Amino acid sequence: MKTVSLKSSQEQLLINDAITQLAAHKNEQAVLAELKRRLSELAVQQNISAKGLKLLSAIQQPDFSVDYALSSMTWFQ
């Protein structure tokens, strides 16, 4: 995420906030969910750049290995 650079200052602020939260050892899944939500709000308002929309699409793609691991943790509790 540190390599992501967006032209929109509002979008870059969201990225920087996510990086700060991750550096503070916050839950990665929670930070990613919040970033998705905030970028989605920009998309709904049509205030998102093409590069921001591409990032949103990329982070919304399912990651089956992570999803499976997270779901299996709930099975055994």
N, C-alpha and C. Protein backbone atom coordinates (compact mmCIF):
# COMPACT_ATOMS: atom_id res chain seq x y z
N MET A 1 0.81 -1.17 0.00
CA MET A 1 0.00 0.00 0.00
C MET A 1 0.87 1.26 0.00
N LYS A 2 2.08 1.13 0.49
CA LYS A 2 2.97 2.29 0.53
C LYS A 2 3.34 2.78 -0.87
N THR A 3 3.24 1.91 -1.86
CA THR A 3 3.61 2.30 -3.21
C THR A 3 2.47 2.96 -3.96
N VAL A 4 1.26 2.95 -3.38
CA VAL A 4 0.09 3.53 -4.04
C VAL A 4 0.17 5.05 -3.92
N SER A 5 0.05 5.70 -5.06
CA SER A 5 0.05 7.16 -5.09
C SER A 5 -1.10 7.60 -5.99
N LEU A 6 -2.06 8.28 -5.40
CA LEU A 6 -3.22 8.74 -6.15
C LEU A 6 -3.18 10.25 -6.30
N LYS A 7 -3.66 10.75 -7.43
CA LYS A 7 -3.62 12.18 -7.71
C LYS A 7 -4.57 12.97 -6.82
N SER A 8 -5.72 12.39 -6.53
CA SER A 8 -6.71 13.06 -5.70
C SER A 8 -6.21 13.11 -4.26
N SER A 9 -6.19 14.31 -3.69
CA SER A 9 -5.71 14.45 -2.31
C SER A 9 -6.63 13.73 -1.34
N GLN A 10 -7.91 13.69 -1.61
CA GLN A 10 -8.87 13.02 -0.74
C GLN A 10 -8.61 11.51 -0.74
N GLU A 11 -8.36 10.95 -1.91
CA GLU A 11 -8.08 9.52 -2.00
C GLU A 11 -6.74 9.19 -1.35
N GLN A 12 -5.74 10.03 -1.57
CA GLN A 12 -4.42 9.79 -0.99
C GLN A 12 -4.48 9.88 0.53
N LEU A 13 -5.33 10.75 1.04
CA LEU A 13 -5.52 10.86 2.48
C LEU A 13 -6.07 9.55 3.06
N LEU A 14 -6.99 8.91 2.34
CA LEU A 14 -7.53 7.62 2.78
C LEU A 14 -6.43 6.55 2.82
N ILE A 15 -5.58 6.54 1.79
CA ILE A 15 -4.48 5.58 1.73
C ILE A 15 -3.51 5.82 2.88
N ASN A 16 -3.15 7.09 3.09
CA ASN A 16 -2.22 7.43 4.18
C ASN A 16 -2.79 7.04 5.54
N ASP A 17 -4.09 7.24 5.72
CA ASP A 17 -4.75 6.87 6.97
C ASP A 17 -4.68 5.35 7.17
N ALA A 18 -4.91 4.59 6.11
CA ALA A 18 -4.83 3.13 6.20
C ALA A 18 -3.41 2.69 6.55
N ILE A 19 -2.41 3.32 5.95
CA ILE A 19 -1.01 2.98 6.23
C ILE A 19 -0.69 3.27 7.69
N THR A 20 -1.17 4.41 8.19
CA THR A 20 -0.94 4.78 9.59
C THR A 20 -1.58 3.76 10.53
N GLN A 21 -2.79 3.33 10.22
CA GLN A 21 -3.47 2.34 11.06
C GLN A 21 -2.73 1.01 11.05
N LEU A 22 -2.24 0.61 9.88
CA LEU A 22 -1.49 -0.65 9.80
C LEU A 22 -0.18 -0.55 10.57
N ALA A 23 0.47 0.61 10.51
CA ALA A 23 1.71 0.82 11.26
C ALA A 23 1.46 0.77 12.76
N ALA A 24 0.24 1.13 13.17
CA ALA A 24 -0.14 1.08 14.58
C ALA A 24 -0.63 -0.31 14.98
N HIS A 25 -0.43 -1.28 14.11
CA HIS A 25 -0.77 -2.68 14.34
C HIS A 25 -2.27 -2.92 14.52
N LYS A 26 -3.07 -2.17 13.79
CA LYS A 26 -4.52 -2.43 13.80
C LYS A 26 -4.79 -3.65 12.92
N ASN A 27 -5.92 -4.28 13.12
CA ASN A 27 -6.30 -5.47 12.37
C ASN A 27 -6.35 -5.15 10.87
N GLU A 28 -5.59 -5.91 10.10
CA GLU A 28 -5.47 -5.67 8.66
C GLU A 28 -6.82 -5.77 7.96
N GLN A 29 -7.62 -6.76 8.34
CA GLN A 29 -8.93 -6.94 7.70
C GLN A 29 -9.86 -5.77 8.00
N ALA A 30 -9.80 -5.25 9.22
CA ALA A 30 -10.64 -4.11 9.60
C ALA A 30 -10.21 -2.85 8.85
N VAL A 31 -8.91 -2.64 8.73
CA VAL A 31 -8.40 -1.48 8.00
C VAL A 31 -8.80 -1.56 6.53
N LEU A 32 -8.68 -2.74 5.94
CA LEU A 32 -9.04 -2.93 4.55
C LEU A 32 -10.53 -2.72 4.33
N ALA A 33 -11.34 -3.21 5.25
CA ALA A 33 -12.79 -3.03 5.14
C ALA A 33 -13.16 -1.55 5.21
N GLU A 34 -12.52 -0.82 6.10
CA GLU A 34 -12.78 0.62 6.23
C GLU A 34 -12.35 1.37 4.97
N LEU A 35 -11.20 0.99 4.41
CA LEU A 35 -10.72 1.61 3.18
C LEU A 35 -11.70 1.35 2.03
N LYS A 36 -12.19 0.12 1.92
CA LYS A 36 -13.17 -0.22 0.89
C LYS A 36 -14.43 0.63 1.05
N ARG A 37 -14.90 0.74 2.29
CA ARG A 37 -16.12 1.50 2.56
C ARG A 37 -15.95 2.97 2.17
N ARG A 38 -14.84 3.55 2.55
CA ARG A 38 -14.63 4.97 2.28
C ARG A 38 -14.40 5.24 0.79
N LEU A 39 -13.70 4.34 0.10
CA LEU A 39 -13.53 4.49 -1.34
C LEU A 39 -14.86 4.28 -2.07
N SER A 40 -15.67 3.35 -1.56
CA SER A 40 -16.99 3.11 -2.17
C SER A 40 -17.88 4.34 -2.04
N GLU A 41 -17.78 5.03 -0.90
CA GLU A 41 -18.55 6.26 -0.73
C GLU A 41 -18.15 7.29 -1.78
N LEU A 42 -16.85 7.41 -2.04
CA LEU A 42 -16.39 8.34 -3.07
C LEU A 42 -16.91 7.93 -4.45
N ALA A 43 -16.93 6.62 -4.70
CA ALA A 43 -17.41 6.13 -5.99
C ALA A 43 -18.90 6.43 -6.17
N VAL A 44 -19.67 6.25 -5.11
CA VAL A 44 -21.11 6.52 -5.18
C VAL A 44 -21.35 8.00 -5.45
N GLN A 45 -20.53 8.85 -4.84
CA GLN A 45 -20.65 10.29 -5.04
C GLN A 45 -20.03 10.74 -6.36
N GLN A 46 -19.43 9.80 -7.07
CA GLN A 46 -18.73 10.05 -8.34
C GLN A 46 -17.58 11.05 -8.17
N ASN A 47 -16.90 10.94 -7.03
CA ASN A 47 -15.74 11.77 -6.74
C ASN A 47 -14.47 10.95 -6.67
N ILE A 48 -14.40 9.91 -7.48
CA ILE A 48 -13.24 9.02 -7.45
C ILE A 48 -12.55 9.06 -8.81
N SER A 49 -11.23 9.03 -8.76
CA SER A 49 -10.46 9.05 -10.01
C SER A 49 -10.44 7.65 -10.62
N ALA A 50 -9.97 7.57 -11.85
CA ALA A 50 -9.88 6.27 -12.51
C ALA A 50 -8.91 5.36 -11.77
N LYS A 51 -7.81 5.93 -11.28
CA LYS A 51 -6.83 5.15 -10.55
C LYS A 51 -7.40 4.69 -9.20
N GLY A 52 -8.19 5.55 -8.56
CA GLY A 52 -8.84 5.19 -7.30
C GLY A 52 -9.86 4.08 -7.51
N LEU A 53 -10.59 4.16 -8.62
CA LEU A 53 -11.57 3.13 -8.94
C LEU A 53 -10.89 1.80 -9.23
N LYS A 54 -9.74 1.86 -9.88
CA LYS A 54 -8.98 0.64 -10.16
C LYS A 54 -8.50 0.01 -8.85
N LEU A 55 -8.05 0.84 -7.91
CA LEU A 55 -7.63 0.34 -6.60
C LEU A 55 -8.80 -0.29 -5.86
N LEU A 56 -9.93 0.37 -5.87
CA LEU A 56 -11.13 -0.16 -5.22
C LEU A 56 -11.50 -1.52 -5.81
N SER A 57 -11.46 -1.63 -7.13
CA SER A 57 -11.78 -2.91 -7.78
C SER A 57 -10.80 -4.00 -7.36
N ALA A 58 -9.53 -3.62 -7.26
CA ALA A 58 -8.50 -4.60 -6.89
C ALA A 58 -8.67 -5.10 -5.47
N ILE A 59 -9.00 -4.21 -4.53
CA ILE A 59 -9.11 -4.66 -3.14
C ILE A 59 -10.45 -5.34 -2.86
N GLN A 60 -11.40 -5.21 -3.78
CA GLN A 60 -12.68 -5.89 -3.60
C GLN A 60 -12.67 -7.31 -4.16
N GLN A 61 -11.63 -7.66 -4.91
CA GLN A 61 -11.55 -9.01 -5.46
C GLN A 61 -11.39 -10.01 -4.32
N PRO A 62 -12.12 -11.11 -4.36
CA PRO A 62 -11.99 -12.09 -3.29
C PRO A 62 -10.62 -12.76 -3.29
N ASP A 63 -10.10 -12.99 -2.12
CA ASP A 63 -8.85 -13.73 -1.95
C ASP A 63 -9.21 -15.02 -1.24
N PHE A 64 -9.40 -16.07 -2.02
CA PHE A 64 -9.95 -17.31 -1.48
C PHE A 64 -9.09 -17.92 -0.39
N SER A 65 -7.77 -17.78 -0.46
CA SER A 65 -6.93 -18.37 0.58
C SER A 65 -7.16 -17.67 1.92
N VAL A 66 -7.27 -16.35 1.90
CA VAL A 66 -7.52 -15.60 3.14
C VAL A 66 -8.94 -15.84 3.62
N ASP A 67 -9.90 -15.78 2.70
CA ASP A 67 -11.30 -15.98 3.08
C ASP A 67 -11.52 -17.36 3.68
N TYR A 68 -10.91 -18.36 3.10
CA TYR A 68 -11.05 -19.72 3.60
C TYR A 68 -10.42 -19.84 4.99
N ALA A 69 -9.26 -19.25 5.17
CA ALA A 69 -8.58 -19.31 6.46
C ALA A 69 -9.41 -18.62 7.54
N LEU A 70 -9.96 -17.45 7.21
CA LEU A 70 -10.77 -16.73 8.19
C LEU A 70 -12.05 -17.49 8.53
N SER A 71 -12.67 -18.09 7.52
CA SER A 71 -13.91 -18.83 7.80
C SER A 71 -13.63 -20.10 8.57
N SER A 72 -12.52 -20.75 8.30
CA SER A 72 -12.22 -22.00 9.02
C SER A 72 -11.91 -21.73 10.48
N MET A 73 -11.43 -20.53 10.81
CA MET A 73 -11.18 -20.20 12.21
C MET A 73 -12.49 -20.19 12.99
N THR A 74 -13.56 -19.78 12.35
CA THR A 74 -14.86 -19.74 13.05
C THR A 74 -15.46 -21.14 13.20
N TRP A 75 -15.10 -22.06 12.34
CA TRP A 75 -15.64 -23.42 12.43
C TRP A 75 -15.18 -24.13 13.68
N PHE A 76 -13.97 -23.85 14.10
CA PHE A 76 -13.36 -24.63 15.18
C PHE A 76 -13.41 -23.91 16.52
N GLN A 77 -14.17 -22.87 16.62
CA GLN A 77 -14.26 -22.17 17.92
C GLN A 77 -15.48 -22.58 18.68
